[in-house]
């Protein structure tokens, strides 16, 4: 079953906001699988980049790429 990309994005955004901390492709994939999706690496990396461009994540490491969740508390 193929899920709409917007649904995966919304679920990953919700996970980032709920759990915070450091995020990389593996953690993103795990969060999407836990939400019932069948995610692809490339798409998950794009979602993480999109969340970073919107200010929810900040890149803290270039190789391997890692992001830190930004808290709006």
N, C-alpha and C. Protein backbone atom coordinates (compact mmCIF):
# COMPACT_ATOMS: atom_id res chain seq x y z
N UNK A 1 0.85 -1.18 0.00
CA UNK A 1 0.00 0.00 0.00
C UNK A 1 0.89 1.24 0.00
N UNK A 2 0.58 2.19 -0.85
CA UNK A 2 1.33 3.43 -0.93
C UNK A 2 0.56 4.53 -0.23
N UNK A 3 1.19 5.17 0.73
CA UNK A 3 0.56 6.25 1.47
C UNK A 3 0.84 7.57 0.80
N UNK A 4 -0.05 8.53 0.93
CA UNK A 4 0.24 9.86 0.41
C UNK A 4 1.46 10.45 1.11
N UNK A 5 2.29 11.14 0.35
CA UNK A 5 3.50 11.74 0.91
C UNK A 5 3.16 12.70 2.04
N UNK A 6 2.06 13.41 1.92
CA UNK A 6 1.66 14.36 2.96
C UNK A 6 1.40 13.65 4.28
N UNK A 7 0.88 12.44 4.22
CA UNK A 7 0.60 11.67 5.42
C UNK A 7 1.90 11.27 6.13
N UNK A 8 2.89 10.84 5.35
CA UNK A 8 4.19 10.49 5.93
C UNK A 8 4.83 11.73 6.54
N UNK A 9 4.76 12.83 5.83
CA UNK A 9 5.35 14.07 6.32
C UNK A 9 4.70 14.49 7.64
N UNK A 10 3.38 14.44 7.68
CA UNK A 10 2.65 14.83 8.89
C UNK A 10 3.01 13.93 10.07
N UNK A 11 3.12 12.62 9.81
CA UNK A 11 3.46 11.70 10.89
C UNK A 11 4.89 11.89 11.38
N UNK A 12 5.81 12.18 10.46
CA UNK A 12 7.19 12.42 10.89
C UNK A 12 7.30 13.75 11.63
N UNK A 13 6.60 14.76 11.17
CA UNK A 13 6.60 16.04 11.88
C UNK A 13 6.06 15.87 13.30
N UNK A 14 4.98 15.11 13.43
CA UNK A 14 4.39 14.86 14.74
C UNK A 14 5.39 14.14 15.65
N UNK A 15 6.13 13.16 15.11
CA UNK A 15 7.12 12.44 15.90
C UNK A 15 8.24 13.37 16.36
N UNK A 16 8.71 14.23 15.47
CA UNK A 16 9.78 15.17 15.83
C UNK A 16 9.30 16.09 16.95
N UNK A 17 8.09 16.61 16.82
CA UNK A 17 7.56 17.51 17.84
C UNK A 17 7.31 16.79 19.16
N UNK A 18 6.91 15.54 19.10
CA UNK A 18 6.61 14.78 20.31
C UNK A 18 7.87 14.34 21.05
N UNK A 19 8.84 13.80 20.31
CA UNK A 19 10.01 13.19 20.94
C UNK A 19 11.24 14.07 21.00
N UNK A 20 11.36 15.04 20.08
CA UNK A 20 12.53 15.91 20.08
C UNK A 20 13.81 15.13 19.89
N UNK A 21 14.93 15.73 20.31
CA UNK A 21 16.22 15.05 20.24
C UNK A 21 16.85 15.07 18.87
N UNK A 22 17.78 14.14 18.65
CA UNK A 22 18.52 14.05 17.39
C UNK A 22 17.77 13.17 16.40
N UNK A 23 17.81 13.58 15.13
CA UNK A 23 17.13 12.85 14.06
C UNK A 23 18.07 12.61 12.90
N UNK A 24 18.04 11.39 12.39
CA UNK A 24 18.76 11.03 11.17
C UNK A 24 17.82 10.16 10.35
N UNK A 25 18.29 9.69 9.22
CA UNK A 25 17.43 8.90 8.34
C UNK A 25 16.90 7.66 9.05
N UNK A 26 17.75 6.96 9.78
CA UNK A 26 17.31 5.73 10.45
C UNK A 26 16.21 5.99 11.46
N UNK A 27 16.35 7.05 12.24
CA UNK A 27 15.31 7.36 13.22
C UNK A 27 14.02 7.77 12.52
N UNK A 28 14.15 8.52 11.43
CA UNK A 28 12.98 8.91 10.66
C UNK A 28 12.26 7.70 10.08
N UNK A 29 13.04 6.76 9.52
CA UNK A 29 12.45 5.54 8.98
C UNK A 29 11.72 4.75 10.07
N UNK A 30 12.34 4.65 11.22
CA UNK A 30 11.75 3.90 12.34
C UNK A 30 10.44 4.55 12.78
N UNK A 31 10.44 5.89 12.87
CA UNK A 31 9.23 6.60 13.29
C UNK A 31 8.11 6.40 12.27
N UNK A 32 8.45 6.43 10.99
CA UNK A 32 7.43 6.23 9.96
C UNK A 32 6.90 4.80 9.96
N UNK A 33 7.79 3.84 10.17
CA UNK A 33 7.34 2.44 10.26
C UNK A 33 6.41 2.25 11.46
N UNK A 34 6.79 2.86 12.58
CA UNK A 34 5.95 2.78 13.78
C UNK A 34 4.57 3.39 13.55
N UNK A 35 4.50 4.36 12.64
CA UNK A 35 3.22 5.01 12.31
C UNK A 35 2.45 4.24 11.24
N UNK A 36 3.00 3.10 10.79
CA UNK A 36 2.29 2.25 9.85
C UNK A 36 2.62 2.47 8.38
N UNK A 37 3.68 3.21 8.10
CA UNK A 37 4.09 3.48 6.72
C UNK A 37 5.15 2.49 6.26
N UNK A 38 5.38 2.46 4.97
CA UNK A 38 6.46 1.68 4.37
C UNK A 38 7.40 2.70 3.70
N UNK A 39 8.21 3.40 4.50
CA UNK A 39 8.99 4.54 3.99
C UNK A 39 10.20 4.13 3.16
N UNK A 40 10.62 5.03 2.30
CA UNK A 40 11.83 4.88 1.50
C UNK A 40 12.88 5.85 2.04
N UNK A 41 14.16 5.45 2.00
CA UNK A 41 15.24 6.30 2.51
C UNK A 41 15.23 7.68 1.89
N UNK A 42 15.19 7.73 0.56
CA UNK A 42 15.29 9.01 -0.15
C UNK A 42 14.16 9.95 0.25
N UNK A 43 12.96 9.44 0.32
CA UNK A 43 11.81 10.28 0.68
C UNK A 43 11.91 10.75 2.13
N UNK A 44 12.37 9.88 3.01
CA UNK A 44 12.52 10.25 4.41
C UNK A 44 13.56 11.35 4.57
N UNK A 45 14.67 11.25 3.85
CA UNK A 45 15.69 12.31 3.90
C UNK A 45 15.12 13.63 3.41
N UNK A 46 14.28 13.59 2.38
CA UNK A 46 13.66 14.82 1.86
C UNK A 46 12.72 15.43 2.90
N UNK A 47 11.97 14.61 3.58
CA UNK A 47 11.08 15.13 4.63
C UNK A 47 11.90 15.79 5.73
N UNK A 48 13.01 15.17 6.13
CA UNK A 48 13.86 15.77 7.16
C UNK A 48 14.42 17.11 6.69
N UNK A 49 14.85 17.18 5.43
CA UNK A 49 15.34 18.46 4.88
C UNK A 49 14.23 19.52 4.88
N UNK A 50 13.02 19.11 4.52
CA UNK A 50 11.89 20.04 4.51
C UNK A 50 11.59 20.55 5.92
N UNK A 51 11.61 19.66 6.89
CA UNK A 51 11.36 20.08 8.27
C UNK A 51 12.45 21.03 8.75
N UNK A 52 13.69 20.80 8.31
CA UNK A 52 14.78 21.71 8.67
C UNK A 52 14.59 23.08 8.01
N UNK A 53 14.15 23.09 6.76
CA UNK A 53 13.96 24.37 6.07
C UNK A 53 12.82 25.17 6.70
N UNK A 54 11.90 24.48 7.39
CA UNK A 54 10.79 25.15 8.06
C UNK A 54 11.12 25.52 9.51
N UNK A 55 12.32 25.15 9.97
CA UNK A 55 12.75 25.54 11.30
C UNK A 55 12.42 24.56 12.41
N UNK A 56 11.86 23.39 12.09
CA UNK A 56 11.58 22.40 13.13
C UNK A 56 12.82 21.62 13.53
N UNK A 57 13.78 21.52 12.60
CA UNK A 57 15.04 20.83 12.84
C UNK A 57 16.18 21.75 12.46
N UNK A 58 17.33 21.55 13.11
CA UNK A 58 18.56 22.27 12.77
C UNK A 58 19.63 21.23 12.50
N UNK A 59 20.31 21.36 11.36
CA UNK A 59 21.38 20.41 11.03
C UNK A 59 22.55 20.64 11.99
N UNK A 60 22.99 19.56 12.63
CA UNK A 60 24.09 19.65 13.58
C UNK A 60 25.32 18.86 13.14
N UNK A 61 25.15 18.02 12.12
CA UNK A 61 26.26 17.21 11.63
C UNK A 61 26.06 16.97 10.14
N UNK A 62 27.15 17.08 9.37
CA UNK A 62 27.05 16.91 7.92
C UNK A 62 27.24 15.47 7.46
N UNK A 63 28.08 14.71 8.14
CA UNK A 63 28.32 13.34 7.70
C UNK A 63 28.53 12.43 8.88
N UNK A 64 27.65 11.55 9.23
CA UNK A 64 26.33 11.42 8.61
C UNK A 64 25.45 12.60 9.00
N UNK A 65 24.48 12.89 8.16
CA UNK A 65 23.61 14.03 8.41
C UNK A 65 22.75 13.75 9.62
N UNK A 66 22.77 14.71 10.55
CA UNK A 66 21.94 14.63 11.74
C UNK A 66 21.33 15.98 12.00
N UNK A 67 20.14 15.95 12.53
CA UNK A 67 19.41 17.16 12.87
C UNK A 67 19.04 17.11 14.34
N UNK A 68 18.86 18.27 14.93
CA UNK A 68 18.37 18.37 16.30
C UNK A 68 17.03 19.09 16.24
N UNK A 69 16.07 18.55 16.98
CA UNK A 69 14.75 19.17 17.03
C UNK A 69 14.83 20.50 17.77
N UNK A 70 14.13 21.48 17.25
CA UNK A 70 14.06 22.81 17.86
C UNK A 70 12.79 22.87 18.67
N UNK A 71 12.94 23.18 19.91
CA UNK A 71 11.77 23.29 20.79
C UNK A 71 11.25 24.72 20.77
N UNK A 72 9.94 24.87 20.62
CA UNK A 72 9.32 26.19 20.61
C UNK A 72 8.66 26.48 21.95
N UNK A 73 9.25 25.92 23.01
CA UNK A 73 8.67 26.09 24.37
C UNK A 73 8.72 27.51 24.83
